[in-house]
Structure formats: structure tokens, C-alpha cells
Amino acid sequence: MMMKDTRDATVRRAAALQREQALEPVRLRDVCEAIGMSERSLRDAFYRVCGMSPMRFERLQRLSDARRALQTAPPDRGAVTQVAIQFGFFELGRFAKSYKAAFGETPSQTLRGHRSDTLDSAAFRSSQPPADAA
């Protein structure tokens, strides 16, 4: 059985690797191989530390990065598409749906500066790795 500190360290290492490859397709098998751990052990560590799978965690991280980019981007035509592609979201409809589910507003609303009062930031905060992961 993996100890809590070991799980935290594993999640930090895997999350750092995913961040390094943020603009490339990330396969769980590659992350496991890079950190020397089985898929089952890595999934278990992520579920215990973050409450979600490693791939869901990585997708939420990229959504969060896209949100920050949209919040500071000029509201130019095509900006949402550019940001989505920049962060590895090539299916724009799926990006918009995932974005709205995570943040309670559409990417274009974020771009225009309309902040939703129903933002579910607590759900996203719980998906963050341990504080010393950065």
C-alpha cells in the first residue's frame, strides 16, 4: 500500500510531467513509463490525492490555462479558437462544453469579461495537486 507522502510525491511528479507536455497529446502509458509506475498505481494515487483520474486532472489544468489566457486576451474575432488550439483543444464544441461545465460560463463570455456568479471554483480547487507541486 502506498503511503500518503509517496502518493503526493507521485502526483506532483506526474502533474509536472503533464505540464511539460501541455501542448502535446499526453498518454497515460507514457506518464507511467516516465515515472516508473503502473497505470493502476498512478490512477490510485490521483484518485486518493485529487479525487479524479490523471487524465481528467490534466484536462482541467489545460482548461484552467485556457481560462487565464481568455481572461487576458483582447476580444478579437477568433480569439476563442486560437486559445483553444493553443492549449490542445482541437474539437471546439467539446472544448466549449467542457469549459462551461468547469467554469459555469462559455469561453466567449470569459473573453468578453462576463464573470459568472455561479463559478464552481471549489470543485476545481479540489483538483489541484498538493501545495508544494509548483
C-alpha atoms as a PDB file:
ATOM      1  CA  MET A   1       0.000   0.000   0.000  1.00  0.00           C
ATOM      2  CA  MET A   2       1.339   3.408  -0.981  1.00  0.00           C
ATOM      3  CA  MET A   3       1.876   5.955   1.848  1.00  0.00           C
ATOM      4  CA  LYS A   4       0.242   9.419   1.653  1.00  0.00           C
ATOM      5  CA  ASP A   5       3.571  11.244   1.223  1.00  0.00           C
ATOM      6  CA  THR A   6       4.541   8.843  -1.548  1.00  0.00           C
ATOM      7  CA  ARG A   7       1.176   9.370  -3.276  1.00  0.00           C
ATOM      8  CA  ASP A   8       1.563  13.151  -3.021  1.00  0.00           C
ATOM      9  CA  ALA A   9       5.060  12.967  -4.498  1.00  0.00           C
ATOM     10  CA  THR A  10       3.841  10.688  -7.281  1.00  0.00           C
ATOM     11  CA  VAL A  11       1.019  13.069  -8.175  1.00  0.00           C
ATOM     12  CA  ARG A  12       3.421  16.042  -8.157  1.00  0.00           C
ATOM     13  CA  ARG A  13       5.859  14.228 -10.466  1.00  0.00           C
ATOM     14  CA  ALA A  14       3.134  13.123 -12.865  1.00  0.00           C
ATOM     15  CA  ALA A  15       1.487  16.574 -12.875  1.00  0.00           C
ATOM     16  CA  ALA A  16       4.849  18.231 -13.582  1.00  0.00           C
ATOM     17  CA  LEU A  17       5.436  15.859 -16.488  1.00  0.00           C
ATOM     18  CA  GLN A  18       1.956  16.583 -17.845  1.00  0.00           C
ATOM     19  CA  ARG A  19       2.632  20.357 -17.560  1.00  0.00           C
ATOM     20  CA  GLU A  20       5.884  19.980 -19.508  1.00  0.00           C
ATOM     21  CA  GLN A  21       3.976  18.264 -22.304  1.00  0.00           C
ATOM     22  CA  ALA A  22       0.920  20.530 -22.077  1.00  0.00           C
ATOM     23  CA  LEU A  23       0.769  21.215 -25.800  1.00  0.00           C
ATOM     24  CA  GLU A  24       1.352  17.630 -26.866  1.00  0.00           C
ATOM     25  CA  PRO A  25      -1.049  14.715 -26.600  1.00  0.00           C
ATOM     26  CA  VAL A  26      -0.378  13.062 -23.244  1.00  0.00           C
ATOM     27  CA  ARG A  27      -0.850   9.316 -22.951  1.00  0.00           C
ATOM     28  CA  LEU A  28      -1.183   7.788 -19.523  1.00  0.00           C
ATOM     29  CA  ARG A  29       1.136   4.969 -20.546  1.00  0.00           C
ATOM     30  CA  ASP A  30       3.907   7.491 -21.316  1.00  0.00           C
ATOM     31  CA  VAL A  31       3.477   9.248 -17.963  1.00  0.00           C
ATOM     32  CA  CYS A  32       3.616   5.909 -16.146  1.00  0.00           C
ATOM     33  CA  GLU A  33       6.728   4.863 -18.005  1.00  0.00           C
ATOM     34  CA  ALA A  34       8.462   8.195 -17.302  1.00  0.00           C
ATOM     35  CA  ILE A  35       7.858   7.981 -13.556  1.00  0.00           C
ATOM     36  CA  GLY A  36       8.291   4.208 -13.301  1.00  0.00           C
ATOM     37  CA  MET A  37       4.833   3.297 -12.052  1.00  0.00           C
ATOM     38  CA  SER A  38       1.985   1.099 -13.200  1.00  0.00           C
ATOM     39  CA  GLU A  39      -1.200   2.693 -14.545  1.00  0.00           C
ATOM     40  CA  ARG A  40      -3.199   1.210 -11.709  1.00  0.00           C
ATOM     41  CA  SER A  41      -0.892   2.690  -9.048  1.00  0.00           C
ATOM     42  CA  LEU A  42      -0.856   6.080 -10.730  1.00  0.00           C
ATOM     43  CA  ARG A  43      -4.640   6.152 -11.048  1.00  0.00           C
ATOM     44  CA  ASP A  44      -4.969   5.150  -7.402  1.00  0.00           C
ATOM     45  CA  ALA A  45      -2.609   7.932  -6.316  1.00  0.00           C
ATOM     46  CA  PHE A  46      -4.523  10.549  -8.321  1.00  0.00           C
ATOM     47  CA  TYR A  47      -7.904   9.396  -7.030  1.00  0.00           C
ATOM     48  CA  ARG A  48      -6.690   9.464  -3.439  1.00  0.00           C
ATOM     49  CA  VAL A  49      -4.925  12.848  -3.700  1.00  0.00           C
ATOM     50  CA  CYS A  50      -7.084  14.714  -6.253  1.00  0.00           C
ATOM     51  CA  GLY A  51     -10.317  12.732  -6.372  1.00  0.00           C
ATOM     52  CA  MET A  52     -10.047  12.149 -10.125  1.00  0.00           C
ATOM     53  CA  SER A  53      -8.081  10.326 -12.791  1.00  0.00           C
ATOM     54  CA  PRO A  54      -4.735  11.665 -14.025  1.00  0.00           C
ATOM     55  CA  MET A  55      -6.176  12.433 -17.459  1.00  0.00           C
ATOM     56  CA  ARG A  56      -9.145  14.356 -16.040  1.00  0.00           C
ATOM     57  CA  PHE A  57      -6.731  16.287 -13.855  1.00  0.00           C
ATOM     58  CA  GLU A  58      -4.587  17.141 -16.882  1.00  0.00           C
ATOM     59  CA  ARG A  59      -7.636  18.252 -18.894  1.00  0.00           C
ATOM     60  CA  LEU A  60      -8.787  20.530 -16.051  1.00  0.00           C
ATOM     61  CA  GLN A  61      -5.314  22.023 -15.856  1.00  0.00           C
ATOM     62  CA  ARG A  62      -5.402  22.833 -19.579  1.00  0.00           C
ATOM     63  CA  LEU A  63      -8.919  24.277 -19.228  1.00  0.00           C
ATOM     64  CA  SER A  64      -7.682  26.469 -16.392  1.00  0.00           C
ATOM     65  CA  ASP A  65      -4.737  27.630 -18.514  1.00  0.00           C
ATOM     66  CA  ALA A  66      -7.143  28.436 -21.368  1.00  0.00           C
ATOM     67  CA  ARG A  67      -9.367  30.384 -18.966  1.00  0.00           C
ATOM     68  CA  ARG A  68      -6.435  32.516 -17.783  1.00  0.00           C
ATOM     69  CA  ALA A  69      -5.488  33.180 -21.407  1.00  0.00           C
ATOM     70  CA  LEU A  70      -9.074  34.178 -22.294  1.00  0.00           C
ATOM     71  CA  GLN A  71      -9.285  36.499 -19.292  1.00  0.00           C
ATOM     72  CA  THR A  72      -6.313  38.487 -20.583  1.00  0.00           C
ATOM     73  CA  ALA A  73      -6.844  38.140 -24.348  1.00  0.00           C
ATOM     74  CA  PRO A  74      -8.174  41.018 -26.418  1.00  0.00           C
ATOM     75  CA  PRO A  75     -11.740  40.245 -27.542  1.00  0.00           C
ATOM     76  CA  ASP A  76     -10.695  39.797 -31.173  1.00  0.00           C
ATOM     77  CA  ARG A  77     -12.629  37.688 -33.619  1.00  0.00           C
ATOM     78  CA  GLY A  78     -11.289  34.148 -33.460  1.00  0.00           C
ATOM     79  CA  ALA A  79      -9.626  34.575 -30.066  1.00  0.00           C
ATOM     80  CA  VAL A  80     -11.516  31.672 -28.502  1.00  0.00           C
ATOM     81  CA  THR A  81     -10.470  29.370 -31.324  1.00  0.00           C
ATOM     82  CA  GLN A  82      -6.837  30.483 -31.040  1.00  0.00           C
ATOM     83  CA  VAL A  83      -6.765  29.913 -27.289  1.00  0.00           C
ATOM     84  CA  ALA A  84      -8.483  26.526 -27.562  1.00  0.00           C
ATOM     85  CA  ILE A  85      -5.971  25.321 -30.124  1.00  0.00           C
ATOM     86  CA  GLN A  86      -3.062  26.828 -28.179  1.00  0.00           C
ATOM     87  CA  PHE A  87      -3.967  24.614 -25.222  1.00  0.00           C
ATOM     88  CA  GLY A  88      -4.568  21.460 -27.233  1.00  0.00           C
ATOM     89  CA  PHE A  89      -8.342  21.554 -27.676  1.00  0.00           C
ATOM     90  CA  PHE A  90      -8.980  20.839 -31.337  1.00  0.00           C
ATOM     91  CA  GLU A  91     -12.643  19.882 -31.083  1.00  0.00           C
ATOM     92  CA  LEU A  92     -14.119  23.311 -30.389  1.00  0.00           C
ATOM     93  CA  GLY A  93     -17.610  22.127 -29.472  1.00  0.00           C
ATOM     94  CA  ARG A  94     -16.219  19.702 -26.921  1.00  0.00           C
ATOM     95  CA  PHE A  95     -13.913  22.443 -25.597  1.00  0.00           C
ATOM     96  CA  ALA A  96     -16.857  24.824 -25.124  1.00  0.00           C
ATOM     97  CA  LYS A  97     -18.953  22.162 -23.400  1.00  0.00           C
ATOM     98  CA  SER A  98     -16.130  21.126 -21.038  1.00  0.00           C
ATOM     99  CA  TYR A  99     -15.274  24.756 -20.346  1.00  0.00           C
ATOM    100  CA  LYS A 100     -18.859  25.643 -19.416  1.00  0.00           C
ATOM    101  CA  ALA A 101     -19.135  22.572 -17.191  1.00  0.00           C
ATOM    102  CA  ALA A 102     -15.945  23.542 -15.355  1.00  0.00           C
ATOM    103  CA  PHE A 103     -16.475  27.302 -15.038  1.00  0.00           C
ATOM    104  CA  GLY A 104     -20.188  27.966 -15.438  1.00  0.00           C
ATOM    105  CA  GLU A 105     -19.796  30.218 -18.463  1.00  0.00           C
ATOM    106  CA  THR A 106     -18.819  29.871 -22.094  1.00  0.00           C
ATOM    107  CA  PRO A 107     -15.340  30.698 -23.337  1.00  0.00           C
ATOM    108  CA  SER A 108     -16.747  33.690 -25.245  1.00  0.00           C
ATOM    109  CA  GLN A 109     -18.347  35.029 -22.053  1.00  0.00           C
ATOM    110  CA  THR A 110     -14.975  34.836 -20.322  1.00  0.00           C
ATOM    111  CA  LEU A 111     -13.367  36.587 -23.276  1.00  0.00           C
ATOM    112  CA  ARG A 112     -15.922  39.395 -23.085  1.00  0.00           C
ATOM    113  CA  GLY A 113     -15.369  39.712 -19.360  1.00  0.00           C
ATOM    114  CA  HIS A 114     -18.742  38.454 -18.162  1.00  0.00           C
ATOM    115  CA  ARG A 115     -17.890  36.589 -14.991  1.00  0.00           C
ATOM    116  CA  SER A 116     -20.433  34.112 -13.770  1.00  0.00           C
ATOM    117  CA  ASP A 117     -21.554  34.288 -10.144  1.00  0.00           C
ATOM    118  CA  THR A 118     -22.090  30.547 -10.238  1.00  0.00           C
ATOM    119  CA  LEU A 119     -18.467  29.692 -10.938  1.00  0.00           C
ATOM    120  CA  ASP A 120     -17.734  26.348  -9.377  1.00  0.00           C
ATOM    121  CA  SER A 121     -14.175  27.145  -8.346  1.00  0.00           C
ATOM    122  CA  ALA A 122     -14.383  24.907  -5.268  1.00  0.00           C
ATOM    123  CA  ALA A 123     -14.666  21.839  -7.493  1.00  0.00           C
ATOM    124  CA  PHE A 124     -11.602  22.893  -9.451  1.00  0.00           C
ATOM    125  CA  ARG A 125      -9.585  23.822  -6.354  1.00  0.00           C
ATOM    126  CA  SER A 126     -10.085  20.310  -5.045  1.00  0.00           C
ATOM    127  CA  SER A 127      -8.433  19.022  -8.236  1.00  0.00           C
ATOM    128  CA  GLN A 128      -5.186  20.854  -7.532  1.00  0.00           C
ATOM    129  CA  PRO A 129      -2.087  18.810  -6.624  1.00  0.00           C
ATOM    130  CA  PRO A 130      -0.517  19.265  -3.184  1.00  0.00           C
ATOM    131  CA  ALA A 131       0.559  22.847  -2.491  1.00  0.00           C
ATOM    132  CA  ASP A 132       4.269  22.227  -3.000  1.00  0.00           C
ATOM    133  CA  ALA A 133       3.749  20.802  -6.501  1.00  0.00           C
ATOM    134  CA  ALA A 134       4.840  24.001  -8.248  1.00  0.00           C
END
